[in-house]
Amino acid sequence: MSKEVLYDDKDVTIREDCVIIKCYFFPIGTSKKITYDKVQRVEMRNFAWKGKMWGMSATEWGYWMPGDMNRWDYDKFIAVYTESSITPSFTCKDMDNAYQILTRQLAKFR
């Protein structure tokens, strides 16, 4: 059964049951689906350096960024903390809205 989509753009889909980070896995560009029961917390962070188009940079060590040719258009990114030592992270068109939706959805699963 498909869950309602709460936010969607070219970079991320936020559904009632999960967040899907698009173009996540290098080099094939497939998506990463993270269900809320796996999420410890979400955080909006400022970029120290946003030049990396895919993967981790030395300044954002531990935060994995999906492929995004427009990353330099953003000053912040959203980190989705799980039990992994690598934190899935993303930028999107409406960062504030996406962050609020994620925070609300995560609270429902607590």
N, C-alpha and C. Protein backbone atom coordinates (compact mmCIF):
# COMPACT_ATOMS: atom_id res chain seq x y z
N MET A 1 0.84 -1.19 0.00
CA MET A 1 0.00 0.00 0.00
C MET A 1 0.88 1.25 0.00
N SER A 2 0.63 2.14 -0.90
CA SER A 2 1.42 3.37 -1.03
C SER A 2 1.01 4.37 0.04
N LYS A 3 2.01 5.04 0.61
CA LYS A 3 1.76 6.06 1.63
C LYS A 3 1.72 7.43 0.97
N GLU A 4 1.01 8.34 1.61
CA GLU A 4 0.84 9.69 1.08
C GLU A 4 2.17 10.42 0.99
N VAL A 5 2.38 11.12 -0.13
CA VAL A 5 3.56 11.94 -0.32
C VAL A 5 3.29 13.30 0.31
N LEU A 6 4.18 13.71 1.22
CA LEU A 6 4.03 14.98 1.92
C LEU A 6 4.89 16.09 1.31
N TYR A 7 5.98 15.69 0.65
CA TYR A 7 6.87 16.64 -0.02
C TYR A 7 7.59 15.87 -1.13
N ASP A 8 7.78 16.53 -2.28
CA ASP A 8 8.48 15.87 -3.37
C ASP A 8 9.11 16.91 -4.28
N ASP A 9 10.38 16.72 -4.60
CA ASP A 9 11.04 17.51 -5.64
C ASP A 9 12.10 16.62 -6.29
N LYS A 10 12.99 17.17 -7.08
CA LYS A 10 13.95 16.36 -7.81
C LYS A 10 14.97 15.67 -6.90
N ASP A 11 15.09 16.13 -5.65
CA ASP A 11 16.12 15.62 -4.75
C ASP A 11 15.62 14.66 -3.67
N VAL A 12 14.38 14.83 -3.24
CA VAL A 12 13.89 14.04 -2.12
C VAL A 12 12.37 13.88 -2.20
N THR A 13 11.90 12.75 -1.69
CA THR A 13 10.47 12.52 -1.49
C THR A 13 10.28 12.19 -0.02
N ILE A 14 9.37 12.92 0.62
CA ILE A 14 9.04 12.64 2.01
C ILE A 14 7.62 12.10 2.03
N ARG A 15 7.49 10.86 2.50
CA ARG A 15 6.19 10.21 2.59
C ARG A 15 5.80 10.07 4.05
N GLU A 16 4.60 9.63 4.28
CA GLU A 16 4.12 9.41 5.65
C GLU A 16 4.98 8.41 6.41
N ASP A 17 5.57 7.44 5.71
CA ASP A 17 6.31 6.36 6.36
C ASP A 17 7.82 6.41 6.20
N CYS A 18 8.33 7.28 5.32
CA CYS A 18 9.77 7.27 5.07
C CYS A 18 10.23 8.52 4.32
N VAL A 19 11.53 8.67 4.24
CA VAL A 19 12.15 9.70 3.39
C VAL A 19 12.95 8.96 2.33
N ILE A 20 12.85 9.43 1.09
CA ILE A 20 13.57 8.81 -0.02
C ILE A 20 14.50 9.87 -0.60
N ILE A 21 15.81 9.63 -0.46
CA ILE A 21 16.81 10.55 -0.99
C ILE A 21 17.17 10.06 -2.38
N LYS A 22 16.91 10.89 -3.37
CA LYS A 22 17.11 10.50 -4.76
C LYS A 22 18.58 10.65 -5.17
N CYS A 23 18.99 9.87 -6.15
CA CYS A 23 20.35 9.90 -6.71
C CYS A 23 21.40 9.73 -5.61
N TYR A 24 21.15 8.83 -4.68
CA TYR A 24 21.98 8.68 -3.49
C TYR A 24 23.24 7.83 -3.73
N PHE A 25 23.04 6.66 -4.33
CA PHE A 25 24.15 5.71 -4.44
C PHE A 25 25.02 6.00 -5.65
N PHE A 26 26.32 6.11 -5.40
CA PHE A 26 27.31 6.36 -6.44
C PHE A 26 27.81 5.03 -6.97
N PRO A 27 27.99 4.83 -8.24
CA PRO A 27 27.79 5.76 -9.36
C PRO A 27 26.47 5.55 -10.09
N ILE A 28 25.62 4.64 -9.59
CA ILE A 28 24.42 4.29 -10.35
C ILE A 28 23.25 5.24 -10.15
N GLY A 29 23.29 6.05 -9.09
CA GLY A 29 22.27 7.08 -8.90
C GLY A 29 20.93 6.59 -8.41
N THR A 30 20.89 5.42 -7.78
CA THR A 30 19.62 4.95 -7.24
C THR A 30 19.31 5.64 -5.92
N SER A 31 18.06 5.53 -5.49
CA SER A 31 17.58 6.23 -4.30
C SER A 31 17.84 5.43 -3.03
N LYS A 32 17.85 6.14 -1.90
CA LYS A 32 17.96 5.52 -0.58
C LYS A 32 16.66 5.80 0.16
N LYS A 33 16.02 4.74 0.63
CA LYS A 33 14.77 4.85 1.39
C LYS A 33 15.10 4.62 2.86
N ILE A 34 14.68 5.56 3.72
CA ILE A 34 14.92 5.45 5.16
C ILE A 34 13.57 5.55 5.86
N THR A 35 13.16 4.48 6.52
CA THR A 35 11.91 4.50 7.27
C THR A 35 12.14 5.22 8.60
N TYR A 36 11.10 5.84 9.12
CA TYR A 36 11.24 6.67 10.32
C TYR A 36 11.65 5.87 11.55
N ASP A 37 11.36 4.59 11.59
CA ASP A 37 11.80 3.80 12.74
C ASP A 37 13.32 3.64 12.80
N LYS A 38 14.01 3.93 11.71
CA LYS A 38 15.48 3.87 11.65
C LYS A 38 16.12 5.23 11.93
N VAL A 39 15.33 6.29 11.98
CA VAL A 39 15.85 7.64 12.15
C VAL A 39 15.94 8.00 13.63
N GLN A 40 17.11 8.42 14.05
CA GLN A 40 17.31 8.87 15.43
C GLN A 40 16.91 10.33 15.58
N ARG A 41 17.30 11.15 14.60
CA ARG A 41 16.95 12.57 14.60
C ARG A 41 17.28 13.15 13.23
N VAL A 42 16.72 14.33 12.96
CA VAL A 42 17.06 15.09 11.76
C VAL A 42 17.58 16.45 12.21
N GLU A 43 18.44 17.02 11.41
CA GLU A 43 19.05 18.29 11.76
C GLU A 43 19.32 19.09 10.49
N MET A 44 19.05 20.38 10.54
CA MET A 44 19.43 21.26 9.43
C MET A 44 20.78 21.87 9.81
N ARG A 45 21.76 21.71 8.92
CA ARG A 45 23.12 22.14 9.20
C ARG A 45 23.60 23.13 8.13
N ASN A 46 24.48 24.01 8.54
CA ASN A 46 25.13 24.93 7.59
C ASN A 46 26.28 24.21 6.91
N PHE A 47 26.46 24.50 5.63
CA PHE A 47 27.61 23.97 4.91
C PHE A 47 28.88 24.69 5.35
N ALA A 48 29.95 23.95 5.56
CA ALA A 48 31.26 24.56 5.73
C ALA A 48 31.85 24.82 4.34
N TRP A 49 31.60 23.87 3.43
CA TRP A 49 32.03 23.99 2.04
C TRP A 49 31.09 23.13 1.22
N LYS A 50 30.50 23.69 0.20
CA LYS A 50 29.46 22.95 -0.53
C LYS A 50 29.86 22.56 -1.95
N GLY A 51 31.14 22.47 -2.21
CA GLY A 51 31.61 22.17 -3.55
C GLY A 51 31.50 20.72 -3.96
N LYS A 52 31.38 19.81 -3.04
CA LYS A 52 31.30 18.39 -3.36
C LYS A 52 29.94 18.07 -3.98
N MET A 53 29.94 17.47 -5.15
CA MET A 53 28.69 17.19 -5.85
C MET A 53 28.06 15.85 -5.46
N TRP A 54 28.90 14.93 -4.93
CA TRP A 54 28.39 13.61 -4.57
C TRP A 54 29.33 13.00 -3.55
N GLY A 55 28.81 12.46 -2.49
CA GLY A 55 29.64 11.80 -1.50
C GLY A 55 29.97 12.70 -0.33
N MET A 56 31.16 12.49 0.26
CA MET A 56 31.60 13.26 1.44
C MET A 56 32.73 14.19 1.04
N SER A 57 32.81 15.31 1.73
CA SER A 57 33.96 16.19 1.58
C SER A 57 34.69 16.22 2.91
N ALA A 58 35.89 16.75 2.93
CA ALA A 58 36.67 16.82 4.17
C ALA A 58 36.00 17.71 5.20
N THR A 59 35.24 18.71 4.76
CA THR A 59 34.61 19.63 5.70
C THR A 59 33.27 19.12 6.22
N GLU A 60 32.62 18.24 5.49
CA GLU A 60 31.37 17.62 5.93
C GLU A 60 31.61 16.12 6.12
N TRP A 61 32.67 15.78 6.83
CA TRP A 61 33.04 14.38 7.00
C TRP A 61 31.94 13.62 7.75
N GLY A 62 31.56 12.48 7.23
CA GLY A 62 30.53 11.66 7.85
C GLY A 62 29.14 11.90 7.28
N TYR A 63 28.98 12.95 6.49
CA TYR A 63 27.69 13.27 5.87
C TYR A 63 27.76 12.91 4.40
N TRP A 64 26.94 11.96 3.97
CA TRP A 64 26.93 11.54 2.57
C TRP A 64 25.89 12.34 1.80
N MET A 65 26.35 13.03 0.77
CA MET A 65 25.49 13.84 -0.08
C MET A 65 25.19 13.10 -1.38
N PRO A 66 23.94 13.08 -1.81
CA PRO A 66 23.61 12.47 -3.09
C PRO A 66 24.10 13.35 -4.24
N GLY A 67 24.03 12.81 -5.45
CA GLY A 67 24.41 13.59 -6.62
C GLY A 67 23.48 14.79 -6.79
N ASP A 68 24.06 15.99 -6.84
CA ASP A 68 23.26 17.21 -6.96
C ASP A 68 24.13 18.30 -7.59
N MET A 69 23.88 18.57 -8.85
CA MET A 69 24.67 19.57 -9.57
C MET A 69 24.35 21.00 -9.13
N ASN A 70 23.31 21.19 -8.33
CA ASN A 70 22.93 22.54 -7.88
C ASN A 70 23.21 22.77 -6.40
N ARG A 71 24.08 21.97 -5.80
CA ARG A 71 24.33 22.08 -4.37
C ARG A 71 24.82 23.47 -3.97
N TRP A 72 25.59 24.13 -4.83
CA TRP A 72 26.12 25.46 -4.50
C TRP A 72 25.02 26.51 -4.37
N ASP A 73 23.80 26.19 -4.75
CA ASP A 73 22.68 27.12 -4.58
C ASP A 73 22.15 27.15 -3.14
N TYR A 74 22.62 26.26 -2.30
CA TYR A 74 22.10 26.13 -0.94
C TYR A 74 23.17 26.45 0.10
N ASP A 75 22.75 27.04 1.20
CA ASP A 75 23.67 27.32 2.31
C ASP A 75 23.58 26.26 3.40
N LYS A 76 22.53 25.44 3.36
CA LYS A 76 22.29 24.45 4.40
C LYS A 76 21.99 23.10 3.77
N PHE A 77 22.04 22.08 4.60
CA PHE A 77 21.62 20.74 4.19
C PHE A 77 20.89 20.08 5.35
N ILE A 78 20.12 19.05 5.05
CA ILE A 78 19.40 18.30 6.07
C ILE A 78 20.11 16.96 6.27
N ALA A 79 20.44 16.67 7.52
CA ALA A 79 21.09 15.41 7.89
C ALA A 79 20.06 14.50 8.56
N VAL A 80 20.02 13.24 8.13
CA VAL A 80 19.10 12.25 8.68
C VAL A 80 19.95 11.22 9.43
N TYR A 81 20.02 11.37 10.74
CA TYR A 81 20.87 10.51 11.56
C TYR A 81 20.20 9.16 11.80
N THR A 82 20.97 8.12 11.52
CA THR A 82 20.55 6.74 11.78
C THR A 82 21.64 6.10 12.65
N GLU A 83 21.61 4.81 12.80
CA GLU A 83 22.65 4.12 13.58
C GLU A 83 23.97 4.00 12.83
N SER A 84 24.00 4.33 11.56
CA SER A 84 25.20 4.23 10.74
C SER A 84 26.20 5.33 11.07
N SER A 85 27.47 5.06 10.84
CA SER A 85 28.49 6.10 11.02
C SER A 85 28.48 7.10 9.86
N ILE A 86 27.83 6.76 8.79
CA ILE A 86 27.64 7.67 7.64
C ILE A 86 26.22 8.23 7.74
N THR A 87 26.10 9.54 7.73
CA THR A 87 24.80 10.19 7.88
C THR A 87 24.25 10.60 6.52
N PRO A 88 23.16 9.97 6.06
CA PRO A 88 22.54 10.39 4.81
C PRO A 88 22.08 11.85 4.94
N SER A 89 22.38 12.64 3.93
CA SER A 89 22.06 14.07 3.96
C SER A 89 21.62 14.52 2.58
N PHE A 90 20.93 15.65 2.52
CA PHE A 90 20.46 16.13 1.22
C PHE A 90 20.16 17.62 1.27
N THR A 91 20.10 18.20 0.09
CA THR A 91 19.57 19.54 -0.11
C THR A 91 18.29 19.38 -0.92
N CYS A 92 17.44 20.38 -0.89
CA CYS A 92 16.21 20.33 -1.68
C CYS A 92 15.70 21.75 -1.90
N LYS A 93 14.72 21.88 -2.75
CA LYS A 93 14.23 23.19 -3.15
C LYS A 93 13.65 24.00 -1.99
N ASP A 94 12.85 23.37 -1.12
CA ASP A 94 12.23 24.07 0.00
C ASP A 94 12.72 23.45 1.31
N MET A 95 13.92 23.82 1.70
CA MET A 95 14.59 23.22 2.86
C MET A 95 13.78 23.37 4.14
N ASP A 96 13.26 24.57 4.40
CA ASP A 96 12.51 24.79 5.65
C ASP A 96 11.28 23.91 5.73
N ASN A 97 10.53 23.84 4.66
CA ASN A 97 9.32 23.02 4.63
C ASN A 97 9.67 21.53 4.79
N ALA A 98 10.66 21.07 4.05
CA ALA A 98 11.06 19.66 4.14
C ALA A 98 11.51 19.32 5.56
N TYR A 99 12.27 20.20 6.18
CA TYR A 99 12.75 19.96 7.54
C TYR A 99 11.58 19.90 8.53
N GLN A 100 10.63 20.82 8.40
CA GLN A 100 9.46 20.82 9.29
C GLN A 100 8.64 19.54 9.12
N ILE A 101 8.44 19.12 7.89
CA ILE A 101 7.68 17.89 7.64
C ILE A 101 8.41 16.69 8.25
N LEU A 102 9.71 16.60 8.03
CA LEU A 102 10.48 15.48 8.60
C LEU A 102 10.41 15.47 10.12
N THR A 103 10.56 16.62 10.73
CA THR A 103 10.49 16.72 12.19
C THR A 103 9.13 16.26 12.71
N ARG A 104 8.06 16.70 12.04
CA ARG A 104 6.71 16.29 12.43
C ARG A 104 6.51 14.78 12.28
N GLN A 105 6.96 14.24 11.15
CA GLN A 105 6.78 12.81 10.91
C GLN A 105 7.58 11.99 11.91
N LEU A 106 8.78 12.43 12.20
CA LEU A 106 9.61 11.70 13.15
C LEU A 106 8.97 11.68 14.54
N ALA A 107 8.36 12.80 14.93
CA ALA A 107 7.68 12.88 16.24
C ALA A 107 6.53 11.88 16.34
N LYS A 108 5.88 11.59 15.22
CA LYS A 108 4.78 10.60 15.22
C LYS A 108 5.27 9.19 15.51
N PHE A 109 6.55 8.94 15.23
CA PHE A 109 7.10 7.60 15.40
C PHE A 109 7.82 7.44 16.74
N ARG A 110 7.73 8.43 17.59
CA ARG A 110 8.39 8.38 18.92
C ARG A 110 7.42 7.98 19.99
